[in-house]
């Protein structure tokens, strides 16, 4: 059986935790960390993650650690490698889009009747702009993007407010007809699957009983709803780390 063996650097990091960081390290349930820059949020996350892998999960069950950007993923991977967590088979670390696509949409999308195009590829910025231009709504692009990310109930009166809901649907249809998906498709489809299907929630929890989210403030409303469902309905344990004062994507719905 595979087992985890941490470097001495891990214990050194634990020994350097202050009293507030130690509260996170010793927590046993849901834990939300709000802290400003330079306060050791990442060090706290890394050490807590190590303890969770040693004490709280047994392979093949594992931990999913999500963040916003590939740059942050690389930084987390670098720091995890330093303490001996570089090649851990039951640890998923990646962006929220990668997690939704790899662990929700691809394995469960067909069963959940998600309209995933055949032989699709991920749309580039140019591909998305071409869709808006072909529809003659390029001047509405930002409004469409924001509406799509912030109005999640497509049966509500708000969805059709000002015709934006129709524009969103036209853009999505154009995208999918061209065998393309975008990053918002990944999170919105992931959310739809866990909202509508209890069996999917149970399967995700069976694989990842713990969910860690770094830079929570940047990840947007669909992820927040996804977390509420997975952690407070399905019972996945949550560790969330962030600083609302550092959010720079509020204009895009974060």
Protein backbone atom coordinates (compact mmCIF):
# COMPACT_ATOMS: atom_id res chain seq x y z
CA UNK A 1 0.00 0.00 0.00
CA UNK A 2 1.23 3.48 -0.86
CA UNK A 3 2.05 5.66 2.15
CA UNK A 4 3.20 9.23 2.58
CA UNK A 5 6.68 10.11 3.80
CA UNK A 6 7.36 13.80 4.36
CA UNK A 7 10.71 15.56 4.34
CA UNK A 8 12.19 17.17 7.41
CA UNK A 9 11.25 20.50 5.86
CA UNK A 10 7.62 19.69 6.60
CA UNK A 11 8.20 19.44 10.34
CA UNK A 12 10.29 22.62 10.22
CA UNK A 13 7.34 24.42 8.58
CA UNK A 14 4.99 23.08 11.24
CA UNK A 15 7.30 24.21 14.02
CA UNK A 16 7.31 27.77 12.62
CA UNK A 17 3.50 28.14 12.67
CA UNK A 18 2.21 30.92 14.90
CA UNK A 19 -0.79 30.47 17.21
CA UNK A 20 -3.41 31.44 14.62
CA UNK A 21 -1.81 29.30 11.92
CA UNK A 22 -1.69 26.45 14.39
CA UNK A 23 -5.45 26.71 14.88
CA UNK A 24 -5.84 25.98 11.18
CA UNK A 25 -3.32 23.11 11.37
CA UNK A 26 -5.24 21.57 14.29
CA UNK A 27 -8.75 22.11 12.85
CA UNK A 28 -10.90 19.02 12.32
CA UNK A 29 -13.91 20.38 10.42
CA UNK A 30 -14.66 23.08 7.89
CA UNK A 31 -12.13 25.90 8.17
CA UNK A 32 -12.08 29.31 6.43
CA UNK A 33 -8.94 31.43 6.63
CA UNK A 34 -9.21 35.18 5.99
CA UNK A 35 -5.80 36.86 6.04
CA UNK A 36 -3.92 39.59 4.25
CA UNK A 37 -0.74 39.45 2.15
CA UNK A 38 2.44 38.33 3.89
CA UNK A 39 0.65 36.55 6.72
CA UNK A 40 1.66 33.02 5.73
CA UNK A 41 -1.57 31.80 4.13
CA UNK A 42 0.22 29.52 1.67
CA UNK A 43 2.53 28.07 4.33
CA UNK A 44 -0.51 27.35 6.48
CA UNK A 45 -2.35 25.72 3.57
CA UNK A 46 0.65 23.55 2.67
CA UNK A 47 1.24 22.28 6.19
CA UNK A 48 -2.46 21.57 6.76
CA UNK A 49 -2.61 19.73 3.44
CA UNK A 50 0.30 17.56 4.51
CA UNK A 51 -1.41 16.68 7.76
CA UNK A 52 -4.68 15.87 5.98
CA UNK A 53 -2.88 13.48 3.63
CA UNK A 54 -1.11 11.77 6.52
CA UNK A 55 -4.02 11.51 8.94
CA UNK A 56 -7.40 12.15 7.34
CA UNK A 57 -7.59 10.25 4.02
CA UNK A 58 -6.56 6.79 2.89
CA UNK A 59 -5.81 6.06 -0.79
CA UNK A 60 -7.50 5.80 -3.18
CA UNK A 61 -9.54 8.57 -1.53
CA UNK A 62 -7.74 11.88 -1.62
CA UNK A 63 -7.67 15.65 -1.43
CA UNK A 64 -8.49 18.16 -4.17
CA UNK A 65 -6.66 21.50 -3.96
CA UNK A 66 -8.01 24.18 -6.29
CA UNK A 67 -6.89 27.68 -7.18
CA UNK A 68 -7.50 30.27 -9.89
CA UNK A 69 -4.42 30.41 -12.14
CA UNK A 70 -1.86 28.01 -13.57
CA UNK A 71 0.84 30.25 -12.12
CA UNK A 72 -0.49 29.67 -8.62
CA UNK A 73 -0.76 25.94 -9.32
CA UNK A 74 2.94 25.86 -10.23
CA UNK A 75 3.86 27.75 -7.06
CA UNK A 76 1.85 25.36 -4.89
CA UNK A 77 3.43 22.37 -6.64
CA UNK A 78 6.91 23.81 -6.05
CA UNK A 79 6.27 24.28 -2.34
CA UNK A 80 4.64 20.88 -1.99
CA UNK A 81 7.63 19.22 -3.65
CA UNK A 82 9.93 20.94 -1.17
CA UNK A 83 8.26 19.16 1.76
CA UNK A 84 7.96 15.78 0.03
CA UNK A 85 4.52 16.06 -1.55
CA UNK A 86 5.65 16.27 -5.16
CA UNK A 87 4.38 12.87 -6.32
CA UNK A 88 1.30 12.04 -4.28
CA UNK A 89 -1.16 9.91 -6.28
CA UNK A 90 -4.25 10.80 -4.25
CA UNK A 91 -3.68 14.57 -4.40
CA UNK A 92 -5.30 16.61 -7.16
CA UNK A 93 -3.91 20.11 -7.53
CA UNK A 94 -5.09 22.36 -10.34
CA UNK A 95 -7.33 25.19 -11.40
CA UNK A 96 -11.04 25.13 -10.70
CA UNK A 97 -11.68 24.79 -14.44
CA UNK A 98 -9.36 21.79 -14.66
CA UNK A 99 -11.03 20.18 -11.65
CA UNK A 100 -14.54 20.65 -13.03
CA UNK A 101 -13.58 19.31 -16.43
CA UNK A 102 -11.44 16.37 -15.32
CA UNK A 103 -13.42 15.24 -12.29
CA UNK A 104 -17.03 16.22 -13.00
CA UNK A 105 -17.82 16.99 -16.65
CA UNK A 106 -15.74 14.34 -18.43
CA UNK A 107 -16.59 11.37 -16.18
CA UNK A 108 -20.24 12.26 -15.52
CA UNK A 109 -21.32 14.66 -18.28
CA UNK A 110 -22.77 12.07 -20.62
CA UNK A 111 -24.85 10.49 -17.86
CA UNK A 112 -26.03 13.96 -16.83
CA UNK A 113 -26.91 14.81 -20.47
CA UNK A 114 -24.49 17.74 -20.68
CA UNK A 115 -24.31 19.04 -24.30
CA UNK A 116 -20.57 18.47 -24.63
CA UNK A 117 -19.63 18.85 -28.34
CA UNK A 118 -18.07 15.91 -30.14
CA UNK A 119 -14.30 16.18 -30.64
CA UNK A 120 -14.26 19.56 -28.92
CA UNK A 121 -11.34 21.83 -28.19
CA UNK A 122 -11.02 24.69 -25.72
CA UNK A 123 -11.76 28.03 -27.37
CA UNK A 124 -9.00 30.60 -27.54
CA UNK A 125 -9.69 34.29 -27.00
CA UNK A 126 -9.76 34.72 -30.78
CA UNK A 127 -12.25 31.85 -31.14
CA UNK A 128 -14.55 33.49 -28.61
CA UNK A 129 -14.25 36.90 -30.26
CA UNK A 130 -15.08 35.35 -33.63
CA UNK A 131 -18.27 33.88 -32.17
CA UNK A 132 -19.36 37.26 -30.85
CA UNK A 133 -18.47 38.94 -34.14
CA UNK A 134 -20.29 36.34 -36.26
CA UNK A 135 -23.39 36.94 -34.14
CA UNK A 136 -23.03 40.72 -34.46
CA UNK A 137 -22.91 41.18 -30.67
CA UNK A 138 -19.24 41.87 -30.06
CA UNK A 139 -20.13 45.19 -28.42
CA UNK A 140 -22.10 43.19 -25.81
CA UNK A 141 -19.28 40.75 -25.03
CA UNK A 142 -18.45 41.95 -21.52
CA UNK A 143 -22.12 42.20 -20.53
CA UNK A 144 -22.73 38.67 -21.81
CA UNK A 145 -19.71 37.28 -19.95
CA UNK A 146 -20.69 38.92 -16.67
CA UNK A 147 -24.35 37.90 -16.97
CA UNK A 148 -23.36 34.32 -17.69
CA UNK A 149 -21.15 34.17 -14.59
CA UNK A 150 -23.46 35.94 -12.17
CA UNK A 151 -27.01 34.88 -13.10
CA UNK A 152 -27.03 31.15 -12.48
CA UNK A 153 -30.78 30.49 -12.52
CA UNK A 154 -31.80 30.42 -16.16
CA UNK A 155 -35.45 30.05 -15.26
CA UNK A 156 -35.53 33.32 -13.34
CA UNK A 157 -36.88 36.67 -14.49
CA UNK A 158 -33.38 38.07 -14.01
CA UNK A 159 -31.99 35.72 -16.65
CA UNK A 160 -34.00 37.35 -19.44
CA UNK A 161 -33.53 40.88 -18.14
CA UNK A 162 -32.62 43.17 -21.04
CA UNK A 163 -32.31 40.24 -23.43
CA UNK A 164 -28.93 39.20 -22.02
CA UNK A 165 -30.03 35.63 -21.39
CA UNK A 166 -30.89 35.20 -25.06
CA UNK A 167 -27.50 36.62 -26.07
CA UNK A 168 -25.73 34.18 -23.73
CA UNK A 169 -27.58 31.25 -25.27
CA UNK A 170 -26.84 32.42 -28.81
CA UNK A 171 -23.15 32.71 -27.98
CA UNK A 172 -23.06 29.25 -26.37
CA UNK A 173 -24.85 27.68 -29.35
CA UNK A 174 -22.40 29.31 -31.78
CA UNK A 175 -19.47 28.10 -29.69
CA UNK A 176 -20.70 24.52 -29.44
CA UNK A 177 -21.67 24.32 -33.12
CA UNK A 178 -18.01 25.01 -33.85
CA UNK A 179 -17.02 22.11 -31.52
CA UNK A 180 -15.62 24.55 -28.98
CA UNK A 181 -16.08 25.01 -25.26
CA UNK A 182 -14.78 27.83 -23.06
CA UNK A 183 -13.65 27.97 -19.45
CA UNK A 184 -17.06 29.14 -18.23
CA UNK A 185 -18.63 26.04 -19.79
CA UNK A 186 -16.42 23.92 -17.55
CA UNK A 187 -17.53 25.51 -14.28
CA UNK A 188 -21.17 26.02 -15.28
CA UNK A 189 -21.56 22.43 -16.46
CA UNK A 190 -19.79 21.18 -13.34
CA UNK A 191 -22.20 23.17 -11.22
CA UNK A 192 -25.22 21.92 -13.17
CA UNK A 193 -24.17 18.30 -12.65
CA UNK A 194 -23.72 18.59 -8.88
CA UNK A 195 -26.89 20.68 -8.50
CA UNK A 196 -29.11 18.26 -10.37
CA UNK A 197 -27.67 14.83 -9.54
CA UNK A 198 -27.22 13.43 -6.05
CA UNK A 199 -25.36 10.41 -7.45
CA UNK A 200 -22.68 12.74 -8.85
CA UNK A 201 -22.25 14.44 -5.48
CA UNK A 202 -21.80 11.07 -3.80
CA UNK A 203 -19.22 9.96 -6.36
CA UNK A 204 -17.20 13.16 -6.01
CA UNK A 205 -17.27 12.88 -2.21
CA UNK A 206 -16.18 9.23 -2.42
CA UNK A 207 -13.08 10.26 -4.34
CA UNK A 208 -12.35 13.59 -2.65
CA UNK A 209 -13.66 13.80 0.93
CA UNK A 210 -11.60 16.98 1.40
CA UNK A 211 -11.64 20.12 -0.76
CA UNK A 212 -9.04 22.89 -0.38
CA UNK A 213 -9.45 26.21 -2.17
CA UNK A 214 -6.70 28.80 -2.40
CA UNK A 215 -7.35 32.45 -3.34
CA UNK A 216 -11.08 31.87 -2.83
CA UNK A 217 -11.88 35.54 -3.43
CA UNK A 218 -11.01 35.27 -7.15
CA UNK A 219 -12.99 32.18 -8.08
CA UNK A 220 -16.47 33.53 -8.77
CA UNK A 221 -20.10 32.72 -8.07
CA UNK A 222 -20.33 29.34 -9.86
CA UNK A 223 -17.50 27.96 -7.71
CA UNK A 224 -19.02 29.42 -4.56
CA UNK A 225 -22.31 27.66 -5.36
CA UNK A 226 -20.41 24.48 -6.18
CA UNK A 227 -18.65 24.62 -2.80
CA UNK A 228 -21.93 25.22 -0.96
CA UNK A 229 -23.43 22.10 -2.56
CA UNK A 230 -20.41 19.81 -2.22
CA UNK A 231 -19.39 20.89 1.27
CA UNK A 232 -22.61 21.83 3.03
CA UNK A 233 -25.04 19.50 1.27
CA UNK A 234 -22.88 16.53 0.26
CA UNK A 235 -20.59 16.78 3.30
CA UNK A 236 -17.13 17.22 1.76
CA UNK A 237 -14.79 18.86 4.25
CA UNK A 238 -13.66 22.38 3.28
CA UNK A 239 -10.50 24.37 3.84
CA UNK A 240 -10.81 27.78 2.14
CA UNK A 241 -8.07 30.40 2.15
CA UNK A 242 -8.38 33.94 0.85
CA UNK A 243 -8.48 37.69 1.35
CA UNK A 244 -11.54 39.62 0.08
CA UNK A 245 -9.47 42.82 0.02
CA UNK A 246 -7.22 41.31 -2.65
CA UNK A 247 -9.99 40.47 -5.11
CA UNK A 248 -9.25 41.95 -8.54
CA UNK A 249 -11.94 40.15 -10.54
CA UNK A 250 -15.06 41.63 -8.99
CA UNK A 251 -16.01 43.23 -12.32
CA UNK A 252 -16.16 39.71 -13.80
CA UNK A 253 -18.34 38.29 -11.03
CA UNK A 254 -15.77 37.11 -8.48
